[in-house]
Structures are given as structure tokens and as C-alpha cells.
Amino acid sequence: MRLKSSMMNATNCVVLGASLAAALAPSIAGATLGEPEISVQGDGARLRGSVKVTEFPAFRQHEIQLPSGTRMREFSGPDGKVFAVAWNGPAVPNLRQTLGQYFDVYVTAAKGQHSGHSRLQIQQGGLIVESAGHMRAFAGRAYLPQAVPSAVNLASIR
């Protein structure tokens, strides 16, 4: 039992550590949550990554393949603002840039999380972040519930 508890604590530390390390890494992500989508094309060029835009009836999805192999997707509404971001791949993207003004809310809430194996779920200050993973296999999403267009199904934000 003691070994299981130690392993759970170690797993929690790895997930939180990976999230915080990625957040403090140099800027390598796409546009910022809550900001205009206009910066996506510039980010793709700077990263030497390809940006693929897919139009849906209620939103646009911009996908950038990061040099790390991680796929970063951002979702913008008809107003041109990014209301959600999602990622999956071998590395967590730079969450400081990705979450922008919501980063401090994320860090504060993440420090208080000590349960679960390799999952982090935050719902605070108009921000929802769901993240899971282990070494070389991370996935997550962050969104602003108040900014999600009414016609958008949250299941499509992946």
C-alpha cells in the first residue's frame, strides 16, 4: 500500500512538473487563449511548421504541427477570438504563451491539485483546463466557457 501511494505521488509530481516546465519553456506555441486569431500564421512561419485551417459552421480550427511532434489546435469563433486550445503529442506546449492572461490562474490552481494519477482538471476564474499524460504522450485542452459559441459542441474541442 505504501508503494502504491508513493507511486501515485510520484506520478502527480511528474505531471505537474512537466506542465510547469513546459509553461516556463521558450515560446513555441500558437496564438493565445482569449486573443485574436490573427497571429497564428506568423507563429506557423516562425516555428517552420505548417498551419492547417479547417472551417466549421460555428468556428475555425487552426492546427500547427510543432517541431516537438506535438499537434496544437486553436479554435476561434466568428468574432476572431481564440476561445479554446487543445494539444496532443510527446511534449506539452508552452502554456505560458498558450494560456496568456489565464496562465497565473492555471499555475495557482495546479499547485493545489494533489489527487489523480496523471490528470489535471482545473475549473477556476472563467478558465477550464483538462490535461493528462505521461512521458512522450500528453494531451489536453483549455477553454473559456463564456466565450464558446453556443453552436459548438465541447466534444469537438480536442
N, C-alpha and C. Protein backbone atom coordinates (compact mmCIF):
# COMPACT_ATOMS: atom_id res chain seq x y z
N MET A 1 0.82 -1.19 0.00
CA MET A 1 0.00 0.00 0.00
C MET A 1 0.86 1.26 0.00
N ARG A 2 1.93 1.21 0.79
CA ARG A 2 2.82 2.36 0.87
C ARG A 2 3.48 2.63 -0.48
N LEU A 3 3.87 1.55 -1.20
CA LEU A 3 4.48 1.69 -2.52
C LEU A 3 3.50 2.33 -3.50
N LYS A 4 2.23 1.90 -3.45
CA LYS A 4 1.22 2.46 -4.34
C LYS A 4 1.06 3.95 -4.10
N SER A 5 1.01 4.37 -2.84
CA SER A 5 0.86 5.78 -2.50
C SER A 5 2.07 6.57 -3.00
N SER A 6 3.27 6.02 -2.84
CA SER A 6 4.47 6.70 -3.31
C SER A 6 4.45 6.84 -4.82
N MET A 7 3.99 5.80 -5.52
CA MET A 7 3.93 5.85 -6.98
C MET A 7 2.92 6.89 -7.43
N MET A 8 1.78 6.99 -6.74
CA MET A 8 0.77 7.98 -7.11
C MET A 8 1.32 9.39 -6.92
N ASN A 9 2.02 9.62 -5.80
CA ASN A 9 2.60 10.94 -5.56
C ASN A 9 3.66 11.26 -6.59
N ALA A 10 4.46 10.27 -6.97
CA ALA A 10 5.49 10.49 -7.99
C ALA A 10 4.86 10.82 -9.33
N THR A 11 3.78 10.13 -9.69
CA THR A 11 3.08 10.40 -10.94
C THR A 11 2.52 11.81 -10.94
N ASN A 12 1.90 12.22 -9.84
CA ASN A 12 1.37 13.58 -9.74
C ASN A 12 2.47 14.61 -9.91
N CYS A 13 3.62 14.35 -9.30
CA CYS A 13 4.74 15.28 -9.41
C CYS A 13 5.24 15.36 -10.85
N VAL A 14 5.29 14.22 -11.55
CA VAL A 14 5.74 14.21 -12.93
C VAL A 14 4.81 15.04 -13.80
N VAL A 15 3.49 14.84 -13.66
CA VAL A 15 2.53 15.59 -14.48
C VAL A 15 2.60 17.07 -14.17
N LEU A 16 2.58 17.44 -12.90
CA LEU A 16 2.64 18.85 -12.54
C LEU A 16 3.98 19.44 -12.97
N GLY A 17 5.07 18.70 -12.75
CA GLY A 17 6.38 19.18 -13.15
C GLY A 17 6.49 19.39 -14.65
N ALA A 18 5.96 18.43 -15.42
CA ALA A 18 6.00 18.56 -16.88
C ALA A 18 5.19 19.75 -17.34
N SER A 19 4.03 19.96 -16.73
CA SER A 19 3.18 21.09 -17.10
C SER A 19 3.87 22.41 -16.78
N LEU A 20 4.46 22.50 -15.59
CA LEU A 20 5.11 23.74 -15.21
C LEU A 20 6.39 23.97 -16.01
N ALA A 21 7.15 22.91 -16.29
CA ALA A 21 8.36 23.06 -17.10
C ALA A 21 8.01 23.53 -18.51
N ALA A 22 6.96 22.94 -19.07
CA ALA A 22 6.54 23.34 -20.41
C ALA A 22 6.06 24.79 -20.41
N ALA A 23 5.42 25.18 -19.32
CA ALA A 23 4.91 26.54 -19.23
C ALA A 23 6.04 27.57 -19.17
N LEU A 24 7.16 27.18 -18.60
CA LEU A 24 8.26 28.10 -18.45
C LEU A 24 9.28 28.01 -19.58
N ALA A 25 9.07 27.10 -20.52
CA ALA A 25 9.98 26.90 -21.65
C ALA A 25 9.91 28.08 -22.60
N PRO A 26 10.86 28.19 -23.52
CA PRO A 26 10.81 29.26 -24.51
C PRO A 26 9.53 29.21 -25.32
N SER A 27 9.14 30.32 -25.86
CA SER A 27 7.88 30.43 -26.59
C SER A 27 7.87 29.59 -27.86
N ILE A 28 7.01 28.53 -27.89
CA ILE A 28 6.93 27.68 -29.07
C ILE A 28 5.50 27.29 -29.42
N ALA A 29 4.52 28.03 -29.00
CA ALA A 29 3.15 27.62 -29.26
C ALA A 29 2.45 28.59 -30.20
N GLY A 30 1.17 28.35 -30.42
CA GLY A 30 0.39 29.17 -31.33
C GLY A 30 -0.18 30.39 -30.65
N ALA A 31 -1.32 30.85 -31.14
CA ALA A 31 -1.96 32.05 -30.60
C ALA A 31 -2.40 31.82 -29.17
N THR A 32 -2.83 32.87 -28.55
CA THR A 32 -3.13 32.85 -27.13
C THR A 32 -4.63 32.80 -26.86
N LEU A 33 -5.00 32.04 -25.86
CA LEU A 33 -6.39 31.90 -25.44
C LEU A 33 -6.97 33.27 -25.12
N GLY A 34 -8.12 33.59 -25.70
CA GLY A 34 -8.80 34.86 -25.47
C GLY A 34 -8.32 36.00 -26.35
N GLU A 35 -7.31 35.77 -27.16
CA GLU A 35 -6.74 36.80 -28.03
C GLU A 35 -7.18 36.59 -29.48
N PRO A 36 -6.95 37.58 -30.35
CA PRO A 36 -7.31 37.43 -31.77
C PRO A 36 -6.52 36.31 -32.45
N GLU A 37 -7.16 35.64 -33.40
CA GLU A 37 -6.53 34.53 -34.11
C GLU A 37 -5.50 34.97 -35.14
N ILE A 38 -5.36 36.23 -35.39
CA ILE A 38 -4.53 36.76 -36.46
C ILE A 38 -3.06 36.32 -36.37
N SER A 39 -2.57 36.04 -35.18
CA SER A 39 -1.15 35.71 -35.01
C SER A 39 -0.80 34.28 -35.40
N VAL A 40 -1.76 33.45 -35.72
CA VAL A 40 -1.48 32.04 -36.00
C VAL A 40 -0.56 31.83 -37.18
N GLN A 41 -0.81 32.50 -38.30
CA GLN A 41 0.02 32.32 -39.49
C GLN A 41 1.47 32.72 -39.21
N GLY A 42 1.66 33.79 -38.48
CA GLY A 42 3.02 34.21 -38.13
C GLY A 42 3.71 33.19 -37.25
N ASP A 43 2.97 32.60 -36.32
CA ASP A 43 3.53 31.57 -35.45
C ASP A 43 3.96 30.36 -36.27
N GLY A 44 3.14 29.97 -37.23
CA GLY A 44 3.48 28.83 -38.08
C GLY A 44 4.77 29.08 -38.85
N ALA A 45 4.94 30.28 -39.39
CA ALA A 45 6.15 30.60 -40.13
C ALA A 45 7.36 30.63 -39.21
N ARG A 46 7.21 31.25 -38.05
CA ARG A 46 8.32 31.34 -37.09
C ARG A 46 8.75 29.96 -36.63
N LEU A 47 7.80 29.06 -36.47
CA LEU A 47 8.09 27.70 -36.00
C LEU A 47 8.54 26.77 -37.11
N ARG A 48 8.49 27.27 -38.33
CA ARG A 48 8.76 26.44 -39.50
C ARG A 48 7.81 25.24 -39.50
N GLY A 49 6.61 25.49 -39.04
CA GLY A 49 5.59 24.45 -39.01
C GLY A 49 4.48 24.79 -39.98
N SER A 50 3.72 23.79 -40.30
CA SER A 50 2.60 24.03 -41.21
C SER A 50 1.36 24.35 -40.39
N VAL A 51 0.59 25.29 -40.92
CA VAL A 51 -0.67 25.65 -40.29
C VAL A 51 -1.78 25.20 -41.22
N LYS A 52 -2.68 24.42 -40.69
CA LYS A 52 -3.82 23.94 -41.46
C LYS A 52 -5.07 24.54 -40.83
N VAL A 53 -5.88 25.19 -41.65
CA VAL A 53 -7.12 25.80 -41.17
C VAL A 53 -8.30 24.99 -41.69
N THR A 54 -9.19 24.64 -40.78
CA THR A 54 -10.40 23.93 -41.15
C THR A 54 -11.59 24.77 -40.70
N GLU A 55 -12.49 25.04 -41.63
CA GLU A 55 -13.69 25.82 -41.33
C GLU A 55 -14.83 24.90 -40.92
N PHE A 56 -15.48 25.25 -39.84
CA PHE A 56 -16.69 24.56 -39.39
C PHE A 56 -17.80 25.61 -39.34
N PRO A 57 -19.06 25.20 -39.29
CA PRO A 57 -20.14 26.19 -39.29
C PRO A 57 -20.04 27.24 -38.18
N ALA A 58 -19.60 26.85 -36.98
CA ALA A 58 -19.59 27.79 -35.85
C ALA A 58 -18.20 28.25 -35.43
N PHE A 59 -17.13 27.69 -36.02
CA PHE A 59 -15.79 28.07 -35.61
C PHE A 59 -14.76 27.67 -36.67
N ARG A 60 -13.53 28.18 -36.48
CA ARG A 60 -12.38 27.79 -37.30
C ARG A 60 -11.39 27.07 -36.41
N GLN A 61 -10.79 26.03 -36.96
CA GLN A 61 -9.75 25.30 -36.23
C GLN A 61 -8.42 25.52 -36.95
N HIS A 62 -7.44 26.03 -36.24
CA HIS A 62 -6.09 26.22 -36.75
C HIS A 62 -5.22 25.15 -36.10
N GLU A 63 -4.54 24.38 -36.91
CA GLU A 63 -3.68 23.33 -36.37
C GLU A 63 -2.24 23.59 -36.78
N ILE A 64 -1.35 23.56 -35.79
CA ILE A 64 0.07 23.74 -36.04
C ILE A 64 0.79 22.49 -35.56
N GLN A 65 1.61 21.94 -36.42
CA GLN A 65 2.47 20.82 -36.05
C GLN A 65 3.76 21.42 -35.49
N LEU A 66 4.00 21.26 -34.19
CA LEU A 66 5.18 21.84 -33.56
C LEU A 66 6.41 20.98 -33.84
N PRO A 67 7.60 21.57 -33.79
CA PRO A 67 8.83 20.81 -34.03
C PRO A 67 8.99 19.61 -33.09
N SER A 68 8.40 19.67 -31.91
CA SER A 68 8.48 18.56 -30.95
C SER A 68 7.66 17.35 -31.38
N GLY A 69 6.79 17.55 -32.38
CA GLY A 69 5.88 16.49 -32.79
C GLY A 69 4.48 16.67 -32.22
N THR A 70 4.33 17.61 -31.32
CA THR A 70 3.02 17.89 -30.72
C THR A 70 2.15 18.66 -31.71
N ARG A 71 0.88 18.26 -31.78
CA ARG A 71 -0.09 18.98 -32.60
C ARG A 71 -0.84 19.94 -31.68
N MET A 72 -0.83 21.21 -32.05
CA MET A 72 -1.50 22.26 -31.29
C MET A 72 -2.67 22.74 -32.13
N ARG A 73 -3.87 22.76 -31.55
CA ARG A 73 -5.04 23.26 -32.25
C ARG A 73 -5.64 24.40 -31.45
N GLU A 74 -6.05 25.42 -32.19
CA GLU A 74 -6.76 26.52 -31.54
C GLU A 74 -8.08 26.72 -32.27
N PHE A 75 -9.04 27.15 -31.52
CA PHE A 75 -10.40 27.27 -32.03
C PHE A 75 -10.84 28.70 -31.85
N SER A 76 -11.27 29.31 -32.96
CA SER A 76 -11.71 30.70 -32.89
C SER A 76 -13.14 30.80 -33.41
N GLY A 77 -13.88 31.71 -32.80
CA GLY A 77 -15.28 31.91 -33.16
C GLY A 77 -15.44 32.94 -34.26
N PRO A 78 -16.68 33.24 -34.60
CA PRO A 78 -16.97 34.23 -35.64
C PRO A 78 -16.38 35.61 -35.34
N ASP A 79 -16.14 35.90 -34.05
CA ASP A 79 -15.57 37.20 -33.67
C ASP A 79 -14.05 37.25 -33.86
N GLY A 80 -13.43 36.10 -34.26
CA GLY A 80 -12.00 36.07 -34.49
C GLY A 80 -11.16 35.86 -33.25
N LYS A 81 -11.78 35.62 -32.11
CA LYS A 81 -11.05 35.41 -30.85
C LYS A 81 -10.89 33.91 -30.59
N VAL A 82 -9.75 33.55 -30.02
CA VAL A 82 -9.47 32.16 -29.67
C VAL A 82 -10.22 31.84 -28.38
N PHE A 83 -11.18 30.89 -28.46
CA PHE A 83 -11.96 30.52 -27.28
C PHE A 83 -11.49 29.19 -26.67
N ALA A 84 -10.66 28.45 -27.40
CA ALA A 84 -10.16 27.17 -26.88
C ALA A 84 -8.87 26.79 -27.58
N VAL A 85 -8.05 26.01 -26.87
CA VAL A 85 -6.85 25.42 -27.44
C VAL A 85 -6.80 23.96 -27.00
N ALA A 86 -6.20 23.13 -27.83
CA ALA A 86 -6.04 21.71 -27.48
C ALA A 86 -4.70 21.24 -28.02
N TRP A 87 -4.15 20.21 -27.41
CA TRP A 87 -2.86 19.69 -27.84
C TRP A 87 -2.77 18.19 -27.58
N ASN A 88 -1.94 17.54 -28.36
CA ASN A 88 -1.59 16.15 -28.08
C ASN A 88 -0.26 15.85 -28.75
N GLY A 89 0.55 15.05 -28.07
CA GLY A 89 1.84 14.69 -28.61
C GLY A 89 2.85 14.40 -27.53
N PRO A 90 4.11 14.32 -27.92
CA PRO A 90 5.16 13.92 -26.99
C PRO A 90 5.58 15.00 -25.99
N ALA A 91 5.15 16.24 -26.17
CA ALA A 91 5.52 17.32 -25.26
C ALA A 91 4.33 18.24 -25.03
N VAL A 92 4.27 18.82 -23.86
CA VAL A 92 3.25 19.83 -23.54
C VAL A 92 3.71 21.14 -24.18
N PRO A 93 2.82 21.86 -24.86
CA PRO A 93 3.23 23.15 -25.45
C PRO A 93 3.53 24.18 -24.36
N ASN A 94 4.06 25.30 -24.76
CA ASN A 94 4.35 26.39 -23.84
C ASN A 94 3.03 26.96 -23.33
N LEU A 95 2.67 26.59 -22.11
CA LEU A 95 1.38 27.01 -21.57
C LEU A 95 1.37 28.48 -21.16
N ARG A 96 2.51 29.05 -20.89
CA ARG A 96 2.55 30.49 -20.58
C ARG A 96 2.04 31.29 -21.77
N GLN A 97 2.52 30.96 -22.96
CA GLN A 97 2.05 31.66 -24.16
C GLN A 97 0.64 31.22 -24.53
N THR A 98 0.38 29.94 -24.45
CA THR A 98 -0.91 29.41 -24.88
C THR A 98 -2.06 29.95 -24.03
N LEU A 99 -1.87 30.03 -22.72
CA LEU A 99 -2.94 30.49 -21.83
C LEU A 99 -2.94 32.00 -21.64
N GLY A 100 -1.85 32.66 -21.97
CA GLY A 100 -1.79 34.12 -21.90
C GLY A 100 -2.19 34.66 -20.54
N GLN A 101 -3.18 35.54 -20.52
CA GLN A 101 -3.60 36.19 -19.28
C GLN A 101 -4.18 35.21 -18.26
N TYR A 102 -4.50 33.99 -18.68
CA TYR A 102 -5.07 32.98 -17.78
C TYR A 102 -3.99 32.08 -17.17
N PHE A 103 -2.73 32.31 -17.52
CA PHE A 103 -1.65 31.44 -17.05
C PHE A 103 -1.52 31.45 -15.53
N ASP A 104 -1.58 32.62 -14.91
CA ASP A 104 -1.43 32.70 -13.45
C ASP A 104 -2.55 31.95 -12.73
N VAL A 105 -3.77 32.03 -13.26
CA VAL A 105 -4.90 31.28 -12.69
C VAL A 105 -4.59 29.79 -12.77
N TYR A 106 -4.07 29.35 -13.91
CA TYR A 106 -3.71 27.94 -14.11
C TYR A 106 -2.66 27.49 -13.10
N VAL A 107 -1.57 28.24 -12.97
CA VAL A 107 -0.48 27.85 -12.09
C VAL A 107 -0.96 27.77 -10.64
N THR A 108 -1.71 28.77 -10.20
CA THR A 108 -2.21 28.78 -8.83
C THR A 108 -3.11 27.58 -8.57
N ALA A 109 -4.02 27.29 -9.48
CA ALA A 109 -4.93 26.16 -9.32
C ALA A 109 -4.19 24.83 -9.41
N ALA A 110 -3.19 24.74 -10.29
CA ALA A 110 -2.44 23.49 -10.45
C ALA A 110 -1.64 23.15 -9.20
N LYS A 111 -1.15 24.14 -8.51
CA LYS A 111 -0.39 23.89 -7.27
C LYS A 111 -1.27 23.25 -6.21
N GLY A 112 -2.56 23.54 -6.23
CA GLY A 112 -3.48 22.98 -5.24
C GLY A 112 -3.97 21.58 -5.57
N GLN A 113 -3.66 21.07 -6.74
CA GLN A 113 -4.13 19.75 -7.18
C GLN A 113 -3.15 18.68 -6.69
N HIS A 114 -3.65 17.71 -5.92
CA HIS A 114 -2.79 16.63 -5.44
C HIS A 114 -3.44 15.27 -5.58
N SER A 115 -4.51 15.17 -6.34
CA SER A 115 -5.18 13.88 -6.47
C SER A 115 -5.15 13.43 -7.93
N GLY A 116 -5.49 12.17 -8.15
CA GLY A 116 -5.49 11.64 -9.51
C GLY A 116 -4.13 11.09 -9.87
N HIS A 117 -4.10 10.31 -10.90
CA HIS A 117 -2.83 9.69 -11.30
C HIS A 117 -2.05 10.63 -12.21
N SER A 118 -2.48 10.79 -13.42
CA SER A 118 -1.75 11.64 -14.35
C SER A 118 -2.69 12.64 -15.00
N ARG A 119 -3.67 13.08 -14.25
CA ARG A 119 -4.67 14.01 -14.76
C ARG A 119 -4.66 15.30 -13.96
N LEU A 120 -4.97 16.37 -14.68
CA LEU A 120 -5.11 17.66 -14.05
C LEU A 120 -6.38 18.28 -14.60
N GLN A 121 -7.27 18.69 -13.72
CA GLN A 121 -8.51 19.34 -14.15
C GLN A 121 -8.71 20.57 -13.29
N ILE A 122 -8.81 21.71 -13.98
CA ILE A 122 -8.96 23.00 -13.31
C ILE A 122 -10.20 23.69 -13.85
N GLN A 123 -10.98 24.22 -12.95
CA GLN A 123 -12.17 24.99 -13.33
C GLN A 123 -12.20 26.18 -12.39
N GLN A 124 -11.62 27.30 -12.86
CA GLN A 124 -11.48 28.45 -11.99
C GLN A 124 -11.33 29.73 -12.80
N GLY A 125 -11.92 30.79 -12.32
CA GLY A 125 -11.74 32.11 -12.91
C GLY A 125 -12.10 32.20 -14.39
N GLY A 126 -13.16 31.51 -14.82
CA GLY A 126 -13.57 31.56 -16.22
C GLY A 126 -12.69 30.74 -17.14
N LEU A 127 -11.89 29.84 -16.57
CA LEU A 127 -10.97 29.01 -17.33
C LEU A 127 -11.18 27.55 -16.96
N ILE A 128 -11.21 26.69 -17.96
CA ILE A 128 -11.23 25.24 -17.73
C ILE A 128 -10.03 24.65 -18.45
N VAL A 129 -9.24 23.89 -17.71
CA VAL A 129 -8.08 23.20 -18.28
C VAL A 129 -8.20 21.72 -17.90
N GLU A 130 -8.06 20.87 -18.89
CA GLU A 130 -8.05 19.43 -18.68
C GLU A 130 -6.79 18.91 -19.34
N SER A 131 -5.96 18.22 -18.58
CA SER A 131 -4.69 17.75 -19.11
C SER A 131 -4.40 16.38 -18.54
N ALA A 132 -3.81 15.53 -19.36
CA ALA A 132 -3.45 14.19 -18.92
C ALA A 132 -2.25 13.73 -19.71
N GLY A 133 -1.58 12.72 -19.18
CA GLY A 133 -0.49 12.14 -19.94
C GLY A 133 0.63 11.63 -19.09
N HIS A 134 1.62 11.16 -19.79
CA HIS A 134 2.85 10.67 -19.20
C HIS A 134 3.95 10.92 -20.22
N MET A 135 5.17 10.62 -19.86
CA MET A 135 6.30 10.95 -20.72
C MET A 135 6.05 10.54 -22.17
N ARG A 136 6.19 11.50 -23.09
CA ARG A 136 6.05 11.34 -24.55
C ARG A 136 4.61 11.10 -25.01
N ALA A 137 3.63 11.32 -24.16
CA ALA A 137 2.23 11.15 -24.56
C ALA A 137 1.34 12.07 -23.72
N PHE A 138 1.25 13.33 -24.14
CA PHE A 138 0.46 14.31 -23.42
C PHE A 138 -0.72 14.77 -24.27
N ALA A 139 -1.81 15.09 -23.62
CA ALA A 139 -2.98 15.63 -24.31
C ALA A 139 -3.69 16.56 -23.34
N GLY A 140 -4.34 17.57 -23.90
CA GLY A 140 -5.08 18.47 -23.05
C GLY A 140 -5.85 19.49 -23.85
N ARG A 141 -6.63 20.25 -23.13
CA ARG A 141 -7.37 21.34 -23.73
C ARG A 141 -7.63 22.39 -22.66
N ALA A 142 -7.79 23.61 -23.12
CA ALA A 142 -8.14 24.72 -22.25
C ALA A 142 -9.17 25.54 -23.00
N TYR A 143 -10.19 25.99 -22.28
CA TYR A 143 -11.19 26.81 -22.95
C TYR A 143 -11.85 27.77 -21.98
N LEU A 144 -12.47 28.77 -22.58
CA LEU A 144 -13.18 29.80 -21.83
C LEU A 144 -14.67 29.55 -22.04
N PRO A 145 -15.35 28.93 -21.09
CA PRO A 145 -16.75 28.55 -21.29
C PRO A 145 -17.64 29.72 -21.71
N GLN A 146 -17.37 30.91 -21.20
CA GLN A 146 -18.18 32.08 -21.52
C GLN A 146 -17.97 32.54 -22.96
N ALA A 147 -16.88 32.12 -23.60
CA ALA A 147 -16.57 32.56 -24.96
C ALA A 147 -16.89 31.51 -26.03
N VAL A 148 -17.23 30.29 -25.61
CA VAL A 148 -17.53 29.23 -26.57
C VAL A 148 -18.85 29.56 -27.27
N PRO A 149 -18.85 29.65 -28.60
CA PRO A 149 -20.11 29.92 -29.31
C PRO A 149 -21.16 28.86 -28.96
N SER A 150 -22.40 29.29 -28.86
CA SER A 150 -23.48 28.40 -28.43
C SER A 150 -23.66 27.18 -29.33
N ALA A 151 -23.31 27.28 -30.60
CA ALA A 151 -23.48 26.17 -31.53
C ALA A 151 -22.34 25.15 -31.48
N VAL A 152 -21.34 25.39 -30.63
CA VAL A 152 -20.18 24.50 -30.57
C VAL A 152 -20.39 23.42 -29.51
N ASN A 153 -20.20 22.18 -29.91
CA ASN A 153 -20.25 21.05 -29.00
C ASN A 153 -18.84 20.91 -28.39
N LEU A 154 -18.72 20.95 -27.08
CA LEU A 154 -17.41 20.88 -26.44
C LEU A 154 -16.65 19.59 -26.75
N ALA A 155 -17.36 18.54 -27.14
CA ALA A 155 -16.69 17.29 -27.52
C ALA A 155 -15.83 17.46 -28.76
N SER A 156 -16.11 18.48 -29.58
CA SER A 156 -15.32 18.72 -30.79
C SER A 156 -14.02 19.47 -30.49
N ILE A 157 -13.85 19.92 -29.26
CA ILE A 157 -12.63 20.65 -28.87
C ILE A 157 -11.63 19.63 -28.34
N ARG A 158 -10.90 19.03 -29.24
CA ARG A 158 -9.89 18.02 -28.91
C ARG A 158 -8.67 18.24 -29.77
